[in-house]
Amino acid sequence: MPANLSARALLWIGIGLVAASVLLQLARDLVYRVTDPNSLQSLATSWWFESFSVALVLLVPLGTWTVAASFVARLIERGTISRAHPATHITAAGVFWTGVVLTLAGLLVGASLDSWMSSLVAQGRPSIALDALNLVVSPLRNVIVPLGLALLPASVLMKKLEARVPADESARATAD
């Protein structure tokens, strides 16, 4: 049986899964960097190093879909409860445009990341910028595109629910 979770719980579970995927990507990169170059081949074929890839394949989509589902669940809860918190109102259009911006930003960073890294490597010296690209930008790039893509269908569901909620409220008003 599926759990009965609130929209807030879904959001935090999704954020936790995405954060875990970023931390796993960071750990995999750090292990790869710290390992002796002579033993990299045996490391790359080990079962536990491959399990990082399997975990990333599962955690990123599941986390981003859970975050997107939390927005839909929040709209459902808001429609069935009361509009007590209008300041926290998230619209379908806002979710849609956030998804578009995240997807485009992720694609832009993904297309530019290799050229940024190669230009920094060509300088021939270690730099903080190269480490930042490897340890921060690269894992985040792998998260923002799936999150942006997950928000797009969530916005469509939210729009359908937003269109339905006023009709339900007017029906309740005529019944009273």
C-alpha atoms as a PDB file:
ATOM      1  CA  MET A   1       0.000   0.000   0.000  1.00  0.00           C
ATOM      2  CA  PRO A   2       1.324   3.461  -0.797  1.00  0.00           C
ATOM      3  CA  ALA A   3       1.926   5.781   2.116  1.00  0.00           C
ATOM      4  CA  ASN A   4      -0.372   8.713   2.780  1.00  0.00           C
ATOM      5  CA  LEU A   5       2.164  11.542   2.691  1.00  0.00           C
ATOM      6  CA  SER A   6       1.554  15.264   2.777  1.00  0.00           C
ATOM      7  CA  ALA A   7       2.768  17.521  -0.009  1.00  0.00           C
ATOM      8  CA  ARG A   8       5.453  18.894   2.294  1.00  0.00           C
ATOM      9  CA  ALA A   9       6.675  15.374   3.121  1.00  0.00           C
ATOM     10  CA  LEU A  10       6.820  14.547  -0.599  1.00  0.00           C
ATOM     11  CA  LEU A  11       8.823  17.703  -1.238  1.00  0.00           C
ATOM     12  CA  TRP A  12      11.371  16.896   1.470  1.00  0.00           C
ATOM     13  CA  ILE A  13      11.668  13.270   0.379  1.00  0.00           C
ATOM     14  CA  GLY A  14      12.334  14.447  -3.175  1.00  0.00           C
ATOM     15  CA  ILE A  15      14.882  17.016  -2.008  1.00  0.00           C
ATOM     16  CA  GLY A  16      16.568  14.329   0.087  1.00  0.00           C
ATOM     17  CA  LEU A  17      16.771  11.939  -2.865  1.00  0.00           C
ATOM     18  CA  VAL A  18      18.204  14.638  -5.136  1.00  0.00           C
ATOM     19  CA  ALA A  19      20.695  15.686  -2.446  1.00  0.00           C
ATOM     20  CA  ALA A  20      21.715  12.053  -1.970  1.00  0.00           C
ATOM     21  CA  SER A  21      22.333  11.731  -5.705  1.00  0.00           C
ATOM     22  CA  VAL A  22      24.511  14.860  -5.705  1.00  0.00           C
ATOM     23  CA  LEU A  23      26.465  13.563  -2.705  1.00  0.00           C
ATOM     24  CA  LEU A  24      26.942  10.189  -4.415  1.00  0.00           C
ATOM     25  CA  GLN A  25      28.234  11.905  -7.544  1.00  0.00           C
ATOM     26  CA  LEU A  26      30.606  13.938  -5.396  1.00  0.00           C
ATOM     27  CA  ALA A  27      31.793  10.838  -3.516  1.00  0.00           C
ATOM     28  CA  ARG A  28      32.357   8.942  -6.763  1.00  0.00           C
ATOM     29  CA  ASP A  29      34.387  11.820  -8.171  1.00  0.00           C
ATOM     30  CA  LEU A  30      36.442  12.137  -4.988  1.00  0.00           C
ATOM     31  CA  VAL A  31      37.166   8.393  -4.898  1.00  0.00           C
ATOM     32  CA  TYR A  32      38.205   8.535  -8.533  1.00  0.00           C
ATOM     33  CA  ARG A  33      40.547  11.469  -7.842  1.00  0.00           C
ATOM     34  CA  VAL A  34      42.131  10.014  -4.706  1.00  0.00           C
ATOM     35  CA  THR A  35      42.726   6.537  -6.119  1.00  0.00           C
ATOM     36  CA  ASP A  36      46.154   5.644  -7.420  1.00  0.00           C
ATOM     37  CA  PRO A  37      46.225   5.844 -11.247  1.00  0.00           C
ATOM     38  CA  ASN A  38      47.626   2.301 -11.439  1.00  0.00           C
ATOM     39  CA  SER A  39      44.602   0.822  -9.682  1.00  0.00           C
ATOM     40  CA  LEU A  40      41.914   2.825 -11.505  1.00  0.00           C
ATOM     41  CA  GLN A  41      41.016  -0.075 -13.800  1.00  0.00           C
ATOM     42  CA  SER A  42      40.307  -2.435 -10.916  1.00  0.00           C
ATOM     43  CA  LEU A  43      38.354   0.325  -9.173  1.00  0.00           C
ATOM     44  CA  ALA A  44      36.227   1.041 -12.237  1.00  0.00           C
ATOM     45  CA  THR A  45      35.221  -2.623 -12.553  1.00  0.00           C
ATOM     46  CA  SER A  46      34.477  -3.189  -8.868  1.00  0.00           C
ATOM     47  CA  TRP A  47      30.877  -3.901  -7.876  1.00  0.00           C
ATOM     48  CA  TRP A  48      30.623  -1.079  -5.348  1.00  0.00           C
ATOM     49  CA  PHE A  49      31.885   1.562  -7.765  1.00  0.00           C
ATOM     50  CA  GLU A  50      29.326   0.399 -10.341  1.00  0.00           C
ATOM     51  CA  SER A  51      26.621   0.583  -7.669  1.00  0.00           C
ATOM     52  CA  PHE A  52      27.172   4.362  -7.613  1.00  0.00           C
ATOM     53  CA  SER A  53      25.974   4.499 -11.221  1.00  0.00           C
ATOM     54  CA  VAL A  54      22.938   2.342 -10.490  1.00  0.00           C
ATOM     55  CA  ALA A  55      22.037   4.495  -7.489  1.00  0.00           C
ATOM     56  CA  LEU A  56      22.364   7.661  -9.571  1.00  0.00           C
ATOM     57  CA  VAL A  57      20.151   6.222 -12.296  1.00  0.00           C
ATOM     58  CA  LEU A  58      17.475   5.566  -9.676  1.00  0.00           C
ATOM     59  CA  LEU A  59      17.839   8.524  -7.303  1.00  0.00           C
ATOM     60  CA  VAL A  60      17.855  11.438  -9.738  1.00  0.00           C
ATOM     61  CA  PRO A  61      14.601  10.637 -11.589  1.00  0.00           C
ATOM     62  CA  LEU A  62      12.823   9.429  -8.460  1.00  0.00           C
ATOM     63  CA  GLY A  63      13.827  12.545  -6.535  1.00  0.00           C
ATOM     64  CA  THR A  64      12.869  14.965  -9.298  1.00  0.00           C
ATOM     65  CA  TRP A  65       9.549  13.226  -9.924  1.00  0.00           C
ATOM     66  CA  THR A  66       8.792  13.315  -6.202  1.00  0.00           C
ATOM     67  CA  VAL A  67       9.505  17.057  -6.074  1.00  0.00           C
ATOM     68  CA  ALA A  68       7.229  17.592  -9.084  1.00  0.00           C
ATOM     69  CA  ALA A  69       4.523  15.399  -7.534  1.00  0.00           C
ATOM     70  CA  SER A  70       4.701  17.456  -4.345  1.00  0.00           C
ATOM     71  CA  PHE A  71       3.562  20.550  -6.272  1.00  0.00           C
ATOM     72  CA  VAL A  72       0.557  18.667  -7.639  1.00  0.00           C
ATOM     73  CA  ALA A  73      -0.215  17.226  -4.205  1.00  0.00           C
ATOM     74  CA  ARG A  74       0.045  20.698  -2.700  1.00  0.00           C
ATOM     75  CA  LEU A  75      -2.495  22.016  -5.178  1.00  0.00           C
ATOM     76  CA  ILE A  76      -4.843  19.126  -4.370  1.00  0.00           C
ATOM     77  CA  GLU A  77      -4.469  19.787  -0.637  1.00  0.00           C
ATOM     78  CA  ARG A  78      -4.983  23.511  -1.133  1.00  0.00           C
ATOM     79  CA  GLY A  79      -8.140  22.859  -3.143  1.00  0.00           C
ATOM     80  CA  THR A  80      -9.631  20.512  -0.559  1.00  0.00           C
ATOM     81  CA  ILE A  81      -8.604  22.456   2.528  1.00  0.00           C
ATOM     82  CA  SER A  82      -8.895  26.240   2.691  1.00  0.00           C
ATOM     83  CA  ARG A  83      -6.967  29.069   1.142  1.00  0.00           C
ATOM     84  CA  ALA A  84      -5.446  30.081   4.464  1.00  0.00           C
ATOM     85  CA  HIS A  85      -1.965  30.783   3.081  1.00  0.00           C
ATOM     86  CA  PRO A  86      -2.266  32.848  -0.123  1.00  0.00           C
ATOM     87  CA  ALA A  87       1.390  33.932   0.164  1.00  0.00           C
ATOM     88  CA  THR A  88       2.545  30.362  -0.501  1.00  0.00           C
ATOM     89  CA  HIS A  89       0.430  29.976  -3.640  1.00  0.00           C
ATOM     90  CA  ILE A  90       2.420  28.280  -6.426  1.00  0.00           C
ATOM     91  CA  THR A  91       0.761  28.469  -9.832  1.00  0.00           C
ATOM     92  CA  ALA A  92       0.952  26.057 -12.734  1.00  0.00           C
ATOM     93  CA  ALA A  93       2.487  28.783 -14.878  1.00  0.00           C
ATOM     94  CA  GLY A  94       5.220  29.328 -12.291  1.00  0.00           C
ATOM     95  CA  VAL A  95       6.004  25.613 -12.201  1.00  0.00           C
ATOM     96  CA  PHE A  96       5.994  25.461 -16.017  1.00  0.00           C
ATOM     97  CA  TRP A  97       8.387  28.384 -16.472  1.00  0.00           C
ATOM     98  CA  THR A  98      10.630  27.108 -13.690  1.00  0.00           C
ATOM     99  CA  GLY A  99      10.808  23.786 -15.537  1.00  0.00           C
ATOM    100  CA  VAL A 100      11.644  25.518 -18.817  1.00  0.00           C
ATOM    101  CA  VAL A 101      14.356  27.674 -17.216  1.00  0.00           C
ATOM    102  CA  LEU A 102      15.915  24.723 -15.359  1.00  0.00           C
ATOM    103  CA  THR A 103      15.923  22.576 -18.492  1.00  0.00           C
ATOM    104  CA  LEU A 104      17.450  25.283 -20.674  1.00  0.00           C
ATOM    105  CA  ALA A 105      20.013  26.214 -18.012  1.00  0.00           C
ATOM    106  CA  GLY A 106      21.006  22.574 -17.628  1.00  0.00           C
ATOM    107  CA  LEU A 107      21.363  22.120 -21.377  1.00  0.00           C
ATOM    108  CA  LEU A 108      23.402  25.313 -21.657  1.00  0.00           C
ATOM    109  CA  VAL A 109      25.709  24.326 -18.801  1.00  0.00           C
ATOM    110  CA  GLY A 110      26.016  20.810 -20.223  1.00  0.00           C
ATOM    111  CA  ALA A 111      26.996  22.135 -23.629  1.00  0.00           C
ATOM    112  CA  SER A 112      29.517  24.592 -22.182  1.00  0.00           C
ATOM    113  CA  LEU A 113      30.988  22.469 -19.388  1.00  0.00           C
ATOM    114  CA  ASP A 114      33.405  20.490 -21.561  1.00  0.00           C
ATOM    115  CA  SER A 115      34.842  23.602 -23.195  1.00  0.00           C
ATOM    116  CA  TRP A 116      35.204  25.309 -19.810  1.00  0.00           C
ATOM    117  CA  MET A 117      36.997  22.278 -18.394  1.00  0.00           C
ATOM    118  CA  SER A 118      39.277  21.833 -21.404  1.00  0.00           C
ATOM    119  CA  SER A 119      40.295  25.496 -21.351  1.00  0.00           C
ATOM    120  CA  LEU A 120      41.134  25.248 -17.645  1.00  0.00           C
ATOM    121  CA  VAL A 121      43.077  21.997 -18.163  1.00  0.00           C
ATOM    122  CA  ALA A 122      44.963  23.586 -21.075  1.00  0.00           C
ATOM    123  CA  GLN A 123      46.352  26.168 -18.673  1.00  0.00           C
ATOM    124  CA  GLY A 124      48.375  23.323 -17.192  1.00  0.00           C
ATOM    125  CA  ARG A 125      47.965  24.127 -13.538  1.00  0.00           C
ATOM    126  CA  PRO A 126      45.449  23.048 -10.916  1.00  0.00           C
ATOM    127  CA  SER A 127      42.848  25.640 -10.133  1.00  0.00           C
ATOM    128  CA  ILE A 128      39.935  26.170  -7.811  1.00  0.00           C
ATOM    129  CA  ALA A 129      37.703  26.851 -10.813  1.00  0.00           C
ATOM    130  CA  LEU A 130      38.436  23.403 -12.276  1.00  0.00           C
ATOM    131  CA  ASP A 131      37.683  21.755  -8.939  1.00  0.00           C
ATOM    132  CA  ALA A 132      34.465  23.761  -8.653  1.00  0.00           C
ATOM    133  CA  LEU A 133      33.397  22.652 -12.120  1.00  0.00           C
ATOM    134  CA  ASN A 134      34.148  19.012 -11.318  1.00  0.00           C
ATOM    135  CA  LEU A 135      32.743  18.896  -7.813  1.00  0.00           C
ATOM    136  CA  VAL A 136      29.812  21.324  -7.939  1.00  0.00           C
ATOM    137  CA  VAL A 137      28.689  22.250 -11.442  1.00  0.00           C
ATOM    138  CA  SER A 138      28.944  18.788 -12.983  1.00  0.00           C
ATOM    139  CA  PRO A 139      26.729  17.040 -10.367  1.00  0.00           C
ATOM    140  CA  LEU A 140      24.202  19.892 -10.409  1.00  0.00           C
ATOM    141  CA  ARG A 141      24.015  19.731 -14.203  1.00  0.00           C
ATOM    142  CA  ASN A 142      22.921  16.109 -13.862  1.00  0.00           C
ATOM    143  CA  VAL A 143      20.080  17.166 -11.560  1.00  0.00           C
ATOM    144  CA  ILE A 144      18.595  20.354 -13.006  1.00  0.00           C
ATOM    145  CA  VAL A 145      17.686  18.947 -16.433  1.00  0.00           C
ATOM    146  CA  PRO A 146      15.661  16.019 -14.993  1.00  0.00           C
ATOM    147  CA  LEU A 147      14.050  18.340 -12.446  1.00  0.00           C
ATOM    148  CA  GLY A 148      13.100  20.809 -15.173  1.00  0.00           C
ATOM    149  CA  LEU A 149      11.682  18.027 -17.317  1.00  0.00           C
ATOM    150  CA  ALA A 150       9.714  16.601 -14.377  1.00  0.00           C
ATOM    151  CA  LEU A 151       8.172  19.996 -13.632  1.00  0.00           C
ATOM    152  CA  LEU A 152       6.721  20.343 -17.149  1.00  0.00           C
ATOM    153  CA  PRO A 153       4.110  17.543 -16.908  1.00  0.00           C
ATOM    154  CA  ALA A 154       3.491  18.500 -13.266  1.00  0.00           C
ATOM    155  CA  SER A 155       2.503  21.976 -14.452  1.00  0.00           C
ATOM    156  CA  VAL A 156       0.004  20.462 -16.903  1.00  0.00           C
ATOM    157  CA  LEU A 157      -1.600  18.456 -14.088  1.00  0.00           C
ATOM    158  CA  MET A 158      -1.647  21.540 -11.886  1.00  0.00           C
ATOM    159  CA  LYS A 159      -3.343  23.547 -14.654  1.00  0.00           C
ATOM    160  CA  LYS A 160      -6.028  20.869 -14.987  1.00  0.00           C
ATOM    161  CA  LEU A 161      -6.588  20.907 -11.234  1.00  0.00           C
ATOM    162  CA  GLU A 162      -6.630  24.712 -11.089  1.00  0.00           C
ATOM    163  CA  ALA A 163      -9.297  24.746 -13.790  1.00  0.00           C
ATOM    164  CA  ARG A 164     -11.360  22.254 -11.806  1.00  0.00           C
ATOM    165  CA  VAL A 165     -11.089  23.864  -8.356  1.00  0.00           C
ATOM    166  CA  PRO A 166     -13.191  27.005  -9.078  1.00  0.00           C
ATOM    167  CA  ALA A 167     -15.986  24.835 -10.493  1.00  0.00           C
ATOM    168  CA  ASP A 168     -15.979  22.772  -7.298  1.00  0.00           C
ATOM    169  CA  GLU A 169     -16.091  25.921  -5.146  1.00  0.00           C
ATOM    170  CA  SER A 170     -19.026  27.360  -7.116  1.00  0.00           C
ATOM    171  CA  ALA A 171     -20.881  24.057  -6.798  1.00  0.00           C
ATOM    172  CA  ARG A 172     -20.344  24.128  -3.024  1.00  0.00           C
ATOM    173  CA  ALA A 173     -21.580  27.719  -2.860  1.00  0.00           C
ATOM    174  CA  THR A 174     -24.844  26.874  -4.667  1.00  0.00           C
ATOM    175  CA  ALA A 175     -25.362  23.809  -2.480  1.00  0.00           C
ATOM    176  CA  ASP A 176     -25.105  25.900   0.711  1.00  0.00           C
END
